[in-house]
Amino acid sequence: MITIKKISGILFFIIFLAYPPFVYFGTVHLSPRIVSLIVIVGLILRLFSSSTNSLSKIVFPATAVGISLCTVSALLDNELYMQYLPVIYSLLFFLVFGSTLLRPPSMIEVFARTVAPSLSPKEVSYCRKVTFIWVIFFVINGLITVVTIYLDAFKLWAYYNGFVSYVLMFLIFTTEFLYRHWKFRRYVGLSTDRFLKKIFPPFQ
């Protein structure tokens, strides 16, 4: 059954993915004030769609900061403050993922145990290393975004955050996914198992 919570979540997800190009083209064709008000509505929807999971701890602070930045942009009719939202998200993900390296289990281990509750010591160590890779990515991602803002390269900011960063995340995820199956040859009932078993047969 489709609920208001699910609809809110879907709408927020669309706004989140389209945020950089929406801010850029919206500012060019409309105004920073109108765009920021629309984003504020999207962020409020996020509060209605929030759920309890491993990343839920960053939902409220990320949403609160986002609404604050967009409010300033609306009041000043200036898109600059909205450009810092991807930086804030990178920072928060860095803090959440990084904190799990200091206080295990690591974030990737938490994700892994949702599909494979029992992990070997080697798999736990591997999850920790993958978490560290994501921590490094969030740092670099945030720094690149700051540089585009500092250079006053609005179009480059939109292109990087709306396309390049997504490609990089996809490459990291896909590479890690394939490497993991090559390394451990463990299959837990995912839809991709049938195909991957042919490429990486289970150890005898």
N, C-alpha and C. Protein backbone atom coordinates (compact mmCIF):
# COMPACT_ATOMS: atom_id res chain seq x y z
N MET A 1 0.84 -1.20 0.00
CA MET A 1 0.00 0.00 0.00
C MET A 1 0.87 1.25 0.00
N ILE A 2 0.59 2.17 -0.91
CA ILE A 2 1.37 3.39 -1.01
C ILE A 2 0.91 4.37 0.07
N THR A 3 1.84 4.81 0.90
CA THR A 3 1.52 5.74 1.98
C THR A 3 2.13 7.10 1.70
N ILE A 4 1.69 8.08 2.49
CA ILE A 4 2.25 9.44 2.35
C ILE A 4 3.75 9.40 2.63
N LYS A 5 4.15 8.55 3.57
CA LYS A 5 5.57 8.43 3.91
C LYS A 5 6.38 7.94 2.72
N LYS A 6 5.84 6.95 1.99
CA LYS A 6 6.54 6.42 0.83
C LYS A 6 6.60 7.45 -0.29
N ILE A 7 5.48 8.14 -0.50
CA ILE A 7 5.44 9.17 -1.54
C ILE A 7 6.44 10.27 -1.23
N SER A 8 6.49 10.68 0.04
CA SER A 8 7.43 11.71 0.47
C SER A 8 8.87 11.27 0.24
N GLY A 9 9.13 9.98 0.53
CA GLY A 9 10.47 9.44 0.33
C GLY A 9 10.87 9.44 -1.13
N ILE A 10 9.95 9.05 -2.00
CA ILE A 10 10.23 9.01 -3.44
C ILE A 10 10.48 10.42 -3.98
N LEU A 11 9.63 11.36 -3.57
CA LEU A 11 9.79 12.75 -4.03
C LEU A 11 11.12 13.32 -3.56
N PHE A 12 11.49 13.02 -2.30
CA PHE A 12 12.76 13.53 -1.80
C PHE A 12 13.93 12.92 -2.56
N PHE A 13 13.84 11.61 -2.84
CA PHE A 13 14.92 10.93 -3.56
C PHE A 13 15.13 11.56 -4.93
N ILE A 14 14.04 11.89 -5.61
CA ILE A 14 14.13 12.53 -6.93
C ILE A 14 14.77 13.91 -6.80
N ILE A 15 14.32 14.68 -5.81
CA ILE A 15 14.88 16.02 -5.59
C ILE A 15 16.35 15.92 -5.23
N PHE A 16 16.71 14.93 -4.40
CA PHE A 16 18.09 14.76 -3.97
C PHE A 16 19.01 14.48 -5.15
N LEU A 17 18.60 13.55 -6.03
CA LEU A 17 19.42 13.21 -7.19
C LEU A 17 19.53 14.38 -8.17
N ALA A 18 18.42 15.10 -8.33
CA ALA A 18 18.39 16.19 -9.32
C ALA A 18 18.78 17.53 -8.73
N TYR A 19 19.21 17.53 -7.47
CA TYR A 19 19.46 18.79 -6.78
C TYR A 19 20.43 19.72 -7.51
N PRO A 20 21.65 19.27 -7.85
CA PRO A 20 22.60 20.19 -8.50
C PRO A 20 22.10 20.78 -9.82
N PRO A 21 21.65 19.95 -10.79
CA PRO A 21 21.15 20.55 -12.04
C PRO A 21 19.89 21.38 -11.81
N PHE A 22 19.06 20.98 -10.84
CA PHE A 22 17.85 21.75 -10.55
C PHE A 22 18.21 23.12 -10.02
N VAL A 23 19.17 23.18 -9.11
CA VAL A 23 19.59 24.47 -8.56
C VAL A 23 20.20 25.34 -9.65
N TYR A 24 21.01 24.73 -10.51
CA TYR A 24 21.68 25.51 -11.56
C TYR A 24 20.67 26.05 -12.58
N PHE A 25 19.90 25.16 -13.18
CA PHE A 25 18.97 25.60 -14.22
C PHE A 25 17.81 26.41 -13.63
N GLY A 26 17.40 26.05 -12.41
CA GLY A 26 16.34 26.81 -11.76
C GLY A 26 16.76 28.23 -11.48
N THR A 27 18.01 28.39 -11.06
CA THR A 27 18.53 29.74 -10.78
C THR A 27 18.64 30.55 -12.06
N VAL A 28 19.08 29.88 -13.13
CA VAL A 28 19.24 30.58 -14.41
C VAL A 28 17.90 31.02 -14.98
N HIS A 29 16.90 30.16 -14.90
CA HIS A 29 15.62 30.45 -15.55
C HIS A 29 14.56 31.02 -14.61
N LEU A 30 14.71 30.80 -13.32
CA LEU A 30 13.74 31.33 -12.36
C LEU A 30 14.45 32.35 -11.46
N SER A 31 14.73 31.94 -10.24
CA SER A 31 15.49 32.79 -9.32
C SER A 31 15.95 31.94 -8.15
N PRO A 32 17.05 32.33 -7.49
CA PRO A 32 17.52 31.58 -6.32
C PRO A 32 16.45 31.46 -5.24
N ARG A 33 15.64 32.50 -5.10
CA ARG A 33 14.61 32.49 -4.05
C ARG A 33 13.56 31.39 -4.32
N ILE A 34 13.08 31.31 -5.54
CA ILE A 34 12.07 30.31 -5.88
C ILE A 34 12.64 28.90 -5.73
N VAL A 35 13.86 28.72 -6.24
CA VAL A 35 14.50 27.40 -6.17
C VAL A 35 14.71 26.97 -4.72
N SER A 36 15.20 27.89 -3.91
CA SER A 36 15.47 27.55 -2.51
C SER A 36 14.19 27.19 -1.76
N LEU A 37 13.09 27.86 -2.07
CA LEU A 37 11.82 27.55 -1.42
C LEU A 37 11.33 26.16 -1.82
N ILE A 38 11.54 25.79 -3.09
CA ILE A 38 11.15 24.45 -3.54
C ILE A 38 11.99 23.39 -2.83
N VAL A 39 13.28 23.67 -2.68
CA VAL A 39 14.17 22.72 -2.01
C VAL A 39 13.77 22.58 -0.54
N ILE A 40 13.40 23.68 0.08
CA ILE A 40 12.96 23.62 1.48
C ILE A 40 11.77 22.68 1.62
N VAL A 41 10.82 22.76 0.69
CA VAL A 41 9.67 21.86 0.71
C VAL A 41 10.14 20.41 0.59
N GLY A 42 11.12 20.18 -0.31
CA GLY A 42 11.64 18.82 -0.48
C GLY A 42 12.31 18.31 0.78
N LEU A 43 13.04 19.17 1.47
CA LEU A 43 13.71 18.77 2.71
C LEU A 43 12.70 18.47 3.82
N ILE A 44 11.64 19.25 3.86
CA ILE A 44 10.59 18.98 4.85
C ILE A 44 9.94 17.62 4.57
N LEU A 45 9.77 17.30 3.28
CA LEU A 45 9.24 15.99 2.91
C LEU A 45 10.15 14.88 3.45
N ARG A 46 11.45 15.16 3.47
CA ARG A 46 12.41 14.16 3.97
C ARG A 46 12.12 13.81 5.42
N LEU A 47 11.72 14.79 6.20
CA LEU A 47 11.42 14.53 7.61
C LEU A 47 10.24 13.57 7.75
N PHE A 48 9.25 13.71 6.84
CA PHE A 48 8.09 12.84 6.88
C PHE A 48 8.42 11.42 6.41
N SER A 49 9.47 11.30 5.59
CA SER A 49 9.81 9.99 5.02
C SER A 49 10.95 9.31 5.75
N SER A 50 11.47 9.94 6.81
CA SER A 50 12.60 9.35 7.50
C SER A 50 12.22 8.04 8.18
N SER A 51 13.19 7.13 8.17
CA SER A 51 12.96 5.82 8.78
C SER A 51 14.12 5.48 9.70
N THR A 52 13.95 4.43 10.47
CA THR A 52 15.00 4.01 11.40
C THR A 52 15.93 3.02 10.70
N ASN A 53 17.15 3.49 10.43
CA ASN A 53 18.16 2.61 9.85
C ASN A 53 19.53 3.12 10.24
N SER A 54 20.57 2.53 9.63
CA SER A 54 21.93 2.86 10.03
C SER A 54 22.31 4.30 9.74
N LEU A 55 21.63 4.94 8.79
CA LEU A 55 21.96 6.30 8.42
C LEU A 55 20.96 7.32 8.97
N SER A 56 19.99 6.84 9.73
CA SER A 56 18.94 7.74 10.21
C SER A 56 19.49 8.84 11.12
N LYS A 57 20.63 8.59 11.76
CA LYS A 57 21.19 9.56 12.68
C LYS A 57 21.62 10.86 12.00
N ILE A 58 21.81 10.83 10.66
CA ILE A 58 22.22 12.05 9.99
C ILE A 58 21.05 12.77 9.31
N VAL A 59 19.87 12.13 9.32
CA VAL A 59 18.72 12.72 8.61
C VAL A 59 18.34 14.07 9.17
N PHE A 60 18.12 14.14 10.48
CA PHE A 60 17.66 15.40 11.07
C PHE A 60 18.69 16.51 10.95
N PRO A 61 19.97 16.28 11.37
CA PRO A 61 20.95 17.37 11.24
C PRO A 61 21.17 17.81 9.80
N ALA A 62 21.19 16.83 8.86
CA ALA A 62 21.39 17.19 7.44
C ALA A 62 20.22 18.01 6.94
N THR A 63 19.01 17.61 7.33
CA THR A 63 17.82 18.33 6.89
C THR A 63 17.77 19.72 7.51
N ALA A 64 18.11 19.81 8.78
CA ALA A 64 18.09 21.10 9.48
C ALA A 64 19.08 22.08 8.86
N VAL A 65 20.28 21.60 8.58
CA VAL A 65 21.30 22.46 7.97
C VAL A 65 20.86 22.86 6.56
N GLY A 66 20.31 21.90 5.82
CA GLY A 66 19.84 22.19 4.46
C GLY A 66 18.77 23.26 4.44
N ILE A 67 17.80 23.14 5.34
CA ILE A 67 16.73 24.13 5.42
C ILE A 67 17.30 25.50 5.79
N SER A 68 18.28 25.51 6.69
CA SER A 68 18.90 26.77 7.11
C SER A 68 19.62 27.45 5.94
N LEU A 69 20.40 26.67 5.18
CA LEU A 69 21.12 27.22 4.04
C LEU A 69 20.16 27.76 2.97
N CYS A 70 19.12 26.99 2.71
CA CYS A 70 18.16 27.41 1.69
C CYS A 70 17.35 28.62 2.14
N THR A 71 17.12 28.72 3.44
CA THR A 71 16.41 29.89 3.96
C THR A 71 17.22 31.15 3.76
N VAL A 72 18.53 31.05 4.01
CA VAL A 72 19.41 32.20 3.79
C VAL A 72 19.42 32.57 2.31
N SER A 73 19.49 31.55 1.44
CA SER A 73 19.48 31.80 -0.01
C SER A 73 18.18 32.48 -0.43
N ALA A 74 17.06 32.05 0.18
CA ALA A 74 15.77 32.65 -0.15
C ALA A 74 15.70 34.10 0.30
N LEU A 75 16.19 34.36 1.50
CA LEU A 75 16.14 35.72 2.03
C LEU A 75 17.03 36.68 1.25
N LEU A 76 18.21 36.18 0.84
CA LEU A 76 19.16 37.03 0.11
C LEU A 76 19.00 36.92 -1.41
N ASP A 77 18.14 35.97 -1.84
CA ASP A 77 17.96 35.71 -3.28
C ASP A 77 19.32 35.43 -3.94
N ASN A 78 20.09 34.56 -3.29
CA ASN A 78 21.45 34.24 -3.74
C ASN A 78 21.65 32.72 -3.65
N GLU A 79 22.09 32.12 -4.76
CA GLU A 79 22.24 30.66 -4.82
C GLU A 79 23.48 30.14 -4.11
N LEU A 80 24.39 31.02 -3.70
CA LEU A 80 25.65 30.59 -3.13
C LEU A 80 25.47 29.61 -1.97
N TYR A 81 24.57 29.92 -1.07
CA TYR A 81 24.42 29.10 0.14
C TYR A 81 23.86 27.72 -0.18
N MET A 82 23.05 27.63 -1.22
CA MET A 82 22.53 26.31 -1.61
C MET A 82 23.64 25.42 -2.15
N GLN A 83 24.70 26.01 -2.66
CA GLN A 83 25.79 25.22 -3.20
C GLN A 83 26.57 24.48 -2.12
N TYR A 84 26.41 24.91 -0.88
CA TYR A 84 27.14 24.25 0.20
C TYR A 84 26.43 23.00 0.72
N LEU A 85 25.22 22.75 0.27
CA LEU A 85 24.49 21.59 0.77
C LEU A 85 25.21 20.26 0.46
N PRO A 86 25.73 20.05 -0.77
CA PRO A 86 26.48 18.81 -1.02
C PRO A 86 27.71 18.68 -0.12
N VAL A 87 28.31 19.81 0.23
CA VAL A 87 29.47 19.78 1.13
C VAL A 87 29.04 19.29 2.50
N ILE A 88 27.89 19.79 2.96
CA ILE A 88 27.38 19.39 4.27
C ILE A 88 27.07 17.89 4.29
N TYR A 89 26.46 17.39 3.22
CA TYR A 89 26.14 15.96 3.15
C TYR A 89 27.42 15.12 3.15
N SER A 90 28.43 15.56 2.40
CA SER A 90 29.70 14.82 2.38
C SER A 90 30.33 14.81 3.77
N LEU A 91 30.26 15.96 4.45
CA LEU A 91 30.82 16.06 5.79
C LEU A 91 30.10 15.13 6.77
N LEU A 92 28.78 15.12 6.71
CA LEU A 92 28.01 14.28 7.62
C LEU A 92 28.24 12.79 7.36
N PHE A 93 28.30 12.41 6.07
CA PHE A 93 28.59 11.01 5.75
C PHE A 93 30.00 10.64 6.22
N PHE A 94 30.92 11.57 6.06
CA PHE A 94 32.29 11.34 6.54
C PHE A 94 32.30 11.10 8.05
N LEU A 95 31.56 11.90 8.79
CA LEU A 95 31.52 11.76 10.25
C LEU A 95 30.87 10.46 10.66
N VAL A 96 29.75 10.11 10.01
CA VAL A 96 29.03 8.89 10.38
C VAL A 96 29.86 7.64 10.04
N PHE A 97 30.37 7.58 8.81
CA PHE A 97 31.18 6.42 8.41
C PHE A 97 32.48 6.37 9.21
N GLY A 98 33.11 7.55 9.39
CA GLY A 98 34.38 7.60 10.12
C GLY A 98 34.23 7.20 11.57
N SER A 99 33.12 7.57 12.19
CA SER A 99 32.92 7.24 13.61
C SER A 99 32.83 5.74 13.82
N THR A 100 32.35 5.01 12.80
CA THR A 100 32.24 3.55 12.94
C THR A 100 33.60 2.86 12.84
N LEU A 101 34.59 3.58 12.32
CA LEU A 101 35.95 3.02 12.31
C LEU A 101 36.55 3.09 13.71
N LEU A 102 36.12 4.08 14.48
CA LEU A 102 36.61 4.24 15.85
C LEU A 102 35.80 3.39 16.82
N ARG A 103 34.51 3.22 16.48
CA ARG A 103 33.63 2.42 17.33
C ARG A 103 32.92 1.38 16.47
N PRO A 104 33.55 0.23 16.28
CA PRO A 104 32.96 -0.84 15.44
C PRO A 104 31.60 -1.26 15.98
N PRO A 105 30.77 -1.89 15.13
CA PRO A 105 31.09 -2.35 13.77
C PRO A 105 31.13 -1.22 12.76
N SER A 106 31.94 -1.42 11.72
CA SER A 106 32.05 -0.42 10.67
C SER A 106 30.72 -0.32 9.92
N MET A 107 30.51 0.81 9.25
CA MET A 107 29.24 1.03 8.56
C MET A 107 28.98 -0.04 7.50
N ILE A 108 29.99 -0.41 6.74
CA ILE A 108 29.82 -1.42 5.71
C ILE A 108 29.51 -2.79 6.34
N GLU A 109 30.08 -3.05 7.50
CA GLU A 109 29.76 -4.30 8.20
C GLU A 109 28.29 -4.32 8.60
N VAL A 110 27.79 -3.18 9.06
CA VAL A 110 26.37 -3.08 9.43
C VAL A 110 25.49 -3.39 8.22
N PHE A 111 25.85 -2.79 7.06
CA PHE A 111 25.10 -3.06 5.83
C PHE A 111 25.19 -4.54 5.45
N ALA A 112 26.41 -5.09 5.55
CA ALA A 112 26.63 -6.48 5.14
C ALA A 112 25.82 -7.46 5.98
N ARG A 113 25.70 -7.19 7.26
CA ARG A 113 24.98 -8.11 8.15
C ARG A 113 23.47 -8.09 7.93
N THR A 114 22.97 -7.12 7.18
CA THR A 114 21.54 -7.13 6.87
C THR A 114 21.20 -8.24 5.87
N VAL A 115 22.20 -8.67 5.09
CA VAL A 115 21.97 -9.76 4.13
C VAL A 115 22.74 -11.03 4.50
N ALA A 116 23.79 -10.87 5.33
CA ALA A 116 24.58 -12.02 5.78
C ALA A 116 24.94 -11.82 7.25
N PRO A 117 24.03 -12.21 8.15
CA PRO A 117 24.23 -11.96 9.59
C PRO A 117 25.55 -12.50 10.15
N SER A 118 26.04 -13.60 9.58
CA SER A 118 27.27 -14.21 10.08
C SER A 118 28.43 -13.87 9.15
N LEU A 119 29.43 -13.17 9.68
CA LEU A 119 30.61 -12.79 8.90
C LEU A 119 31.87 -13.35 9.54
N SER A 120 32.80 -13.78 8.71
CA SER A 120 34.08 -14.28 9.22
C SER A 120 34.96 -13.10 9.62
N PRO A 121 36.00 -13.33 10.42
CA PRO A 121 36.93 -12.25 10.80
C PRO A 121 37.53 -11.55 9.58
N LYS A 122 37.82 -12.33 8.53
CA LYS A 122 38.38 -11.73 7.32
C LYS A 122 37.37 -10.80 6.65
N GLU A 123 36.11 -11.21 6.66
CA GLU A 123 35.06 -10.38 6.05
C GLU A 123 34.83 -9.10 6.87
N VAL A 124 34.92 -9.22 8.18
CA VAL A 124 34.77 -8.05 9.05
C VAL A 124 35.90 -7.07 8.77
N SER A 125 37.12 -7.59 8.65
CA SER A 125 38.27 -6.74 8.35
C SER A 125 38.11 -6.08 6.99
N TYR A 126 37.60 -6.84 6.03
CA TYR A 126 37.37 -6.30 4.68
C TYR A 126 36.35 -5.17 4.72
N CYS A 127 35.27 -5.36 5.47
CA CYS A 127 34.23 -4.32 5.59
C CYS A 127 34.82 -3.03 6.16
N ARG A 128 35.72 -3.18 7.09
CA ARG A 128 36.36 -2.02 7.70
C ARG A 128 37.18 -1.25 6.66
N LYS A 129 37.90 -1.98 5.81
CA LYS A 129 38.70 -1.35 4.77
C LYS A 129 37.82 -0.62 3.75
N VAL A 130 36.70 -1.24 3.39
CA VAL A 130 35.77 -0.61 2.44
C VAL A 130 35.17 0.65 3.05
N THR A 131 34.85 0.60 4.33
CA THR A 131 34.33 1.78 5.01
C THR A 131 35.35 2.91 4.95
N PHE A 132 36.62 2.58 5.14
CA PHE A 132 37.68 3.59 5.08
C PHE A 132 37.76 4.21 3.68
N ILE A 133 37.58 3.39 2.65
CA ILE A 133 37.60 3.91 1.28
C ILE A 133 36.48 4.93 1.09
N TRP A 134 35.30 4.63 1.60
CA TRP A 134 34.18 5.58 1.49
C TRP A 134 34.45 6.85 2.27
N VAL A 135 35.10 6.72 3.41
CA VAL A 135 35.46 7.90 4.21
C VAL A 135 36.36 8.83 3.39
N ILE A 136 37.36 8.24 2.74
CA ILE A 136 38.27 9.02 1.89
C ILE A 136 37.50 9.67 0.74
N PHE A 137 36.57 8.93 0.15
CA PHE A 137 35.78 9.49 -0.96
C PHE A 137 34.99 10.71 -0.51
N PHE A 138 34.34 10.61 0.65
CA PHE A 138 33.53 11.73 1.12
C PHE A 138 34.39 12.97 1.38
N VAL A 139 35.60 12.77 1.85
CA VAL A 139 36.51 13.90 2.06
C VAL A 139 36.86 14.56 0.73
N ILE A 140 37.28 13.74 -0.24
CA ILE A 140 37.66 14.26 -1.55
C ILE A 140 36.47 14.91 -2.24
N ASN A 141 35.32 14.27 -2.16
CA ASN A 141 34.11 14.78 -2.79
C ASN A 141 33.75 16.16 -2.24
N GLY A 142 33.81 16.28 -0.93
CA GLY A 142 33.50 17.57 -0.31
C GLY A 142 34.50 18.65 -0.68
N LEU A 143 35.78 18.29 -0.73
CA LEU A 143 36.81 19.27 -1.07
C LEU A 143 36.67 19.76 -2.51
N ILE A 144 36.37 18.85 -3.43
CA ILE A 144 36.19 19.25 -4.82
C ILE A 144 35.02 20.21 -4.95
N THR A 145 33.95 19.93 -4.22
CA THR A 145 32.78 20.81 -4.26
C THR A 145 33.13 22.19 -3.73
N VAL A 146 33.91 22.25 -2.64
CA VAL A 146 34.33 23.53 -2.07
C VAL A 146 35.16 24.31 -3.08
N VAL A 147 36.04 23.60 -3.81
CA VAL A 147 36.88 24.26 -4.81
C VAL A 147 36.03 24.89 -5.91
N THR A 148 35.01 24.16 -6.38
CA THR A 148 34.14 24.71 -7.44
C THR A 148 33.41 25.96 -6.94
N ILE A 149 33.04 25.96 -5.66
CA ILE A 149 32.37 27.14 -5.09
C ILE A 149 33.36 28.29 -4.98
N TYR A 150 34.57 27.99 -4.50
CA TYR A 150 35.59 29.02 -4.33
C TYR A 150 35.97 29.65 -5.66
N LEU A 151 35.99 28.83 -6.72
CA LEU A 151 36.34 29.34 -8.05
C LEU A 151 35.17 30.05 -8.72
N ASP A 152 34.03 30.07 -8.03
CA ASP A 152 32.82 30.69 -8.57
C ASP A 152 32.44 30.04 -9.90
N ALA A 153 32.61 28.71 -9.96
CA ALA A 153 32.31 27.95 -11.17
C ALA A 153 30.98 27.23 -10.97
N PHE A 154 29.89 27.97 -11.08
CA PHE A 154 28.56 27.43 -10.80
C PHE A 154 28.21 26.27 -11.72
N LYS A 155 28.52 26.41 -13.00
CA LYS A 155 28.21 25.36 -13.97
C LYS A 155 29.03 24.11 -13.67
N LEU A 156 30.30 24.29 -13.34
CA LEU A 156 31.16 23.16 -13.00
C LEU A 156 30.67 22.49 -11.72
N TRP A 157 30.21 23.28 -10.76
CA TRP A 157 29.64 22.75 -9.52
C TRP A 157 28.46 21.83 -9.83
N ALA A 158 27.58 22.29 -10.70
CA ALA A 158 26.39 21.50 -11.06
C ALA A 158 26.80 20.23 -11.81
N TYR A 159 27.77 20.34 -12.71
CA TYR A 159 28.21 19.18 -13.50
C TYR A 159 28.88 18.14 -12.61
N TYR A 160 29.72 18.59 -11.70
CA TYR A 160 30.42 17.63 -10.83
C TYR A 160 29.45 16.95 -9.88
N ASN A 161 28.66 17.74 -9.16
CA ASN A 161 27.76 17.18 -8.14
C ASN A 161 26.56 16.46 -8.74
N GLY A 162 26.16 16.85 -9.96
CA GLY A 162 25.00 16.24 -10.57
C GLY A 162 25.31 15.10 -11.52
N PHE A 163 26.61 14.88 -11.79
CA PHE A 163 26.96 13.80 -12.72
C PHE A 163 28.24 13.07 -12.31
N VAL A 164 29.34 13.81 -12.23
CA VAL A 164 30.63 13.17 -11.98
C VAL A 164 30.66 12.44 -10.64
N SER A 165 30.16 13.07 -9.58
CA SER A 165 30.20 12.42 -8.27
C SER A 165 29.37 11.15 -8.25
N TYR A 166 28.24 11.13 -8.99
CA TYR A 166 27.41 9.93 -9.06
C TYR A 166 28.14 8.82 -9.81
N VAL A 167 28.85 9.19 -10.87
CA VAL A 167 29.62 8.21 -11.64
C VAL A 167 30.72 7.61 -10.76
N LEU A 168 31.40 8.46 -10.00
CA LEU A 168 32.46 7.98 -9.12
C LEU A 168 31.91 7.02 -8.06
N MET A 169 30.77 7.36 -7.47
CA MET A 169 30.17 6.48 -6.47
C MET A 169 29.75 5.15 -7.10
N PHE A 170 29.22 5.21 -8.32
CA PHE A 170 28.83 3.98 -9.02
C PHE A 170 30.04 3.11 -9.30
N LEU A 171 31.14 3.73 -9.71
CA LEU A 171 32.36 2.97 -10.00
C LEU A 171 32.93 2.32 -8.74
N ILE A 172 32.93 3.07 -7.64
CA ILE A 172 33.44 2.52 -6.38
C ILE A 172 32.57 1.35 -5.94
N PHE A 173 31.26 1.55 -5.99
CA PHE A 173 30.34 0.49 -5.55
C PHE A 173 30.47 -0.75 -6.43
N THR A 174 30.48 -0.57 -7.75
CA THR A 174 30.54 -1.70 -8.68
C THR A 174 31.86 -2.44 -8.57
N THR A 175 32.96 -1.69 -8.50
CA THR A 175 34.29 -2.32 -8.39
C THR A 175 34.39 -3.12 -7.10
N GLU A 176 33.93 -2.53 -6.00
CA GLU A 176 33.97 -3.22 -4.71
C GLU A 176 33.08 -4.45 -4.73
N PHE A 177 31.91 -4.34 -5.34
CA PHE A 177 30.95 -5.45 -5.40
C PHE A 177 31.56 -6.64 -6.13
N LEU A 178 32.19 -6.36 -7.28
CA LEU A 178 32.78 -7.45 -8.06
C LEU A 178 34.01 -8.02 -7.36
N TYR A 179 34.84 -7.14 -6.78
CA TYR A 179 36.04 -7.59 -6.09
C TYR A 179 35.68 -8.47 -4.89
N ARG A 180 34.64 -8.09 -4.16
CA ARG A 180 34.19 -8.84 -2.99
C ARG A 180 33.79 -10.26 -3.37
N HIS A 181 33.05 -10.37 -4.48
CA HIS A 181 32.62 -11.71 -4.91
C HIS A 181 33.80 -12.53 -5.44
N TRP A 182 34.76 -11.87 -6.05
CA TRP A 182 35.96 -12.59 -6.49
C TRP A 182 36.77 -13.07 -5.30
N LYS A 183 36.87 -12.24 -4.27
CA LYS A 183 37.71 -12.54 -3.11
C LYS A 183 37.11 -13.61 -2.20
N PHE A 184 35.81 -13.50 -1.92
CA PHE A 184 35.21 -14.39 -0.94
C PHE A 184 34.36 -15.50 -1.57
N ARG A 185 33.87 -15.29 -2.79
CA ARG A 185 33.01 -16.27 -3.48
C ARG A 185 31.83 -16.70 -2.58
N ARG A 186 31.26 -15.73 -1.89
CA ARG A 186 30.15 -16.02 -0.99
C ARG A 186 28.86 -15.48 -1.59
N TYR A 187 27.84 -16.31 -1.59
CA TYR A 187 26.57 -15.92 -2.21
C TYR A 187 25.44 -16.08 -1.19
N VAL A 188 24.64 -15.02 -1.06
CA VAL A 188 23.64 -14.97 0.02
C VAL A 188 22.22 -14.82 -0.50
N GLY A 189 22.01 -15.17 -1.76
CA GLY A 189 20.65 -15.13 -2.30
C GLY A 189 20.27 -13.86 -3.02
N LEU A 190 21.25 -13.05 -3.40
CA LEU A 190 20.95 -11.84 -4.17
C LEU A 190 20.58 -12.22 -5.60
N SER A 191 19.89 -11.33 -6.27
CA SER A 191 19.44 -11.61 -7.64
C SER A 191 20.61 -11.75 -8.61
N THR A 192 21.77 -11.21 -8.22
CA THR A 192 22.95 -11.28 -9.09
C THR A 192 23.76 -12.56 -8.89
N ASP A 193 23.41 -13.36 -7.88
CA ASP A 193 24.21 -14.54 -7.55
C ASP A 193 24.34 -15.52 -8.71
N ARG A 194 23.24 -15.76 -9.41
CA ARG A 194 23.24 -16.74 -10.50
C ARG A 194 24.26 -16.37 -11.58
N PHE A 195 24.32 -15.09 -11.89
CA PHE A 195 25.26 -14.62 -12.91
C PHE A 195 26.70 -14.65 -12.39
N LEU A 196 26.90 -14.16 -11.16
CA LEU A 196 28.25 -14.06 -10.62
C LEU A 196 28.87 -15.42 -10.33
N LYS A 197 28.04 -16.41 -10.03
CA LYS A 197 28.56 -17.75 -9.77
C LYS A 197 29.26 -18.32 -11.00
N LYS A 198 28.80 -17.91 -12.17
CA LYS A 198 29.42 -18.39 -13.42
C LYS A 198 30.79 -17.74 -13.63
N ILE A 199 30.93 -16.50 -13.17
CA ILE A 199 32.19 -15.79 -13.33
C ILE A 199 33.15 -16.15 -12.20
N PHE A 200 32.61 -16.17 -10.98
CA PHE A 200 33.43 -16.47 -9.81
C PHE A 200 32.84 -17.69 -9.09
N PRO A 201 33.13 -18.90 -9.57
CA PRO A 201 32.57 -20.12 -8.96
C PRO A 201 32.94 -20.20 -7.48
N PRO A 202 32.02 -20.68 -6.63
CA PRO A 202 32.32 -20.83 -5.18
C PRO A 202 33.53 -21.72 -4.97
N PHE A 203 34.28 -21.42 -3.91
CA PHE A 203 35.43 -22.25 -3.55
C PHE A 203 34.95 -23.63 -3.14
N GLN A 204 35.68 -24.65 -3.54
CA GLN A 204 35.34 -26.03 -3.18
C GLN A 204 35.84 -26.36 -1.78
